[in-house]
């Protein structure tokens, strides 16, 4: 399953690159005064926006799979995660009242 997602992501990225190149070429023609190239450029840009969704989905599927594998490989061991400053958080069992 993950191999399929990797291949799908690579295919989507190649297609995005081709559309981006096409949009760039048509944009240059439009800047030179060819108005119909502007329409083709807009079309390529619309295709790019449509291609981003499957690319994002493929990335999320791979990320979720890796997290699941990492979680299952920990063999039930729980570790404290460091906070943003790199210090380990301590779980405080007592709740402090702020009255």
Protein backbone atom coordinates (compact mmCIF):
# COMPACT_ATOMS: atom_id res chain seq x y z
CA UNK A 1 0.00 0.00 0.00
CA UNK A 2 2.76 2.47 0.93
CA UNK A 3 4.66 1.63 -2.24
CA UNK A 4 1.59 2.55 -4.27
CA UNK A 5 1.30 5.89 -2.43
CA UNK A 6 4.99 6.64 -3.05
CA UNK A 7 4.56 5.93 -6.75
CA UNK A 8 1.39 8.01 -6.81
CA UNK A 9 3.18 10.91 -5.12
CA UNK A 10 6.06 10.73 -7.59
CA UNK A 11 3.62 10.68 -10.51
CA UNK A 12 1.66 13.64 -9.12
CA UNK A 13 4.85 15.63 -8.58
CA UNK A 14 6.02 14.94 -12.14
CA UNK A 15 2.64 16.04 -13.49
CA UNK A 16 2.75 19.19 -11.35
CA UNK A 17 6.21 19.99 -12.72
CA UNK A 18 4.99 19.57 -16.33
CA UNK A 19 1.97 21.82 -15.70
CA UNK A 20 4.18 24.41 -14.02
CA UNK A 21 6.52 24.43 -17.00
CA UNK A 22 3.55 24.82 -19.35
CA UNK A 23 2.15 27.68 -17.28
CA UNK A 24 5.55 29.39 -17.28
CA UNK A 25 5.89 29.10 -21.06
CA UNK A 26 2.38 30.37 -21.68
CA UNK A 27 2.88 33.17 -19.15
CA UNK A 28 5.96 34.35 -21.02
CA UNK A 29 4.01 34.32 -24.29
CA UNK A 30 1.22 36.28 -22.62
CA UNK A 31 3.71 38.86 -21.36
CA UNK A 32 4.94 39.25 -24.94
CA UNK A 33 1.41 40.23 -26.03
CA UNK A 34 -0.28 36.94 -26.97
CA UNK A 35 -3.68 37.14 -25.23
CA UNK A 36 -4.73 33.58 -26.05
CA UNK A 37 -1.61 32.34 -24.23
CA UNK A 38 -3.09 33.98 -21.12
CA UNK A 39 -6.08 31.66 -21.35
CA UNK A 40 -3.81 28.63 -21.65
CA UNK A 41 -1.73 29.89 -18.72
CA UNK A 42 -4.85 30.24 -16.57
CA UNK A 43 -5.91 26.75 -17.58
CA UNK A 44 -2.54 25.31 -16.55
CA UNK A 45 -2.73 27.14 -13.23
CA UNK A 46 -6.20 25.70 -12.59
CA UNK A 47 -4.88 22.21 -13.33
CA UNK A 48 -2.06 22.83 -10.85
CA UNK A 49 -4.54 23.67 -8.11
CA UNK A 50 -6.48 20.47 -8.86
CA UNK A 51 -3.29 18.38 -8.75
CA UNK A 52 -2.32 19.67 -5.32
CA UNK A 53 -5.15 17.83 -3.55
CA UNK A 54 -4.07 14.30 -4.59
CA UNK A 55 -0.48 15.22 -3.77
CA UNK A 56 -1.46 16.36 -0.29
CA UNK A 57 -3.54 13.21 0.21
CA UNK A 58 -0.62 10.97 -0.79
CA UNK A 59 1.73 12.77 1.60
CA UNK A 60 -0.77 12.46 4.48
CA UNK A 61 -1.33 8.76 3.80
CA UNK A 62 2.42 8.08 3.87
CA UNK A 63 2.88 10.17 7.00
CA UNK A 64 0.06 8.39 8.82
CA UNK A 65 1.42 4.99 7.81
CA UNK A 66 4.89 5.88 9.11
CA UNK A 67 3.44 7.10 12.39
CA UNK A 68 1.43 3.89 12.75
CA UNK A 69 4.52 1.76 12.05
CA UNK A 70 6.61 3.81 14.47
CA UNK A 71 3.96 3.50 17.15
CA UNK A 72 3.67 -0.27 16.70
CA UNK A 73 7.46 -0.72 16.71
CA UNK A 74 7.78 0.95 20.12
CA UNK A 75 6.42 -2.30 21.65
CA UNK A 76 4.22 -0.58 24.16
CA UNK A 77 6.97 1.60 25.61
CA UNK A 78 5.79 5.09 26.39
CA UNK A 79 8.20 7.95 26.46
CA UNK A 80 7.78 11.57 27.37
CA UNK A 81 8.04 13.86 24.43
CA UNK A 82 10.22 16.95 24.71
CA UNK A 83 8.47 20.29 24.54
CA UNK A 84 9.43 23.05 22.13
CA UNK A 85 12.49 24.05 24.16
CA UNK A 86 13.80 20.49 24.29
CA UNK A 87 12.95 19.92 27.95
CA UNK A 88 10.92 16.89 28.89
CA UNK A 89 7.47 17.65 30.20
CA UNK A 90 6.53 16.25 33.56
CA UNK A 91 3.00 15.11 33.97
CA UNK A 92 1.53 16.81 37.01
CA UNK A 93 -1.15 14.68 38.66
CA UNK A 94 -2.31 17.46 40.98
CA UNK A 95 -4.47 20.17 39.53
CA UNK A 96 -3.76 23.66 40.72
CA UNK A 97 -6.71 25.86 41.49
CA UNK A 98 -6.40 29.39 40.21
CA UNK A 99 -8.81 31.16 42.55
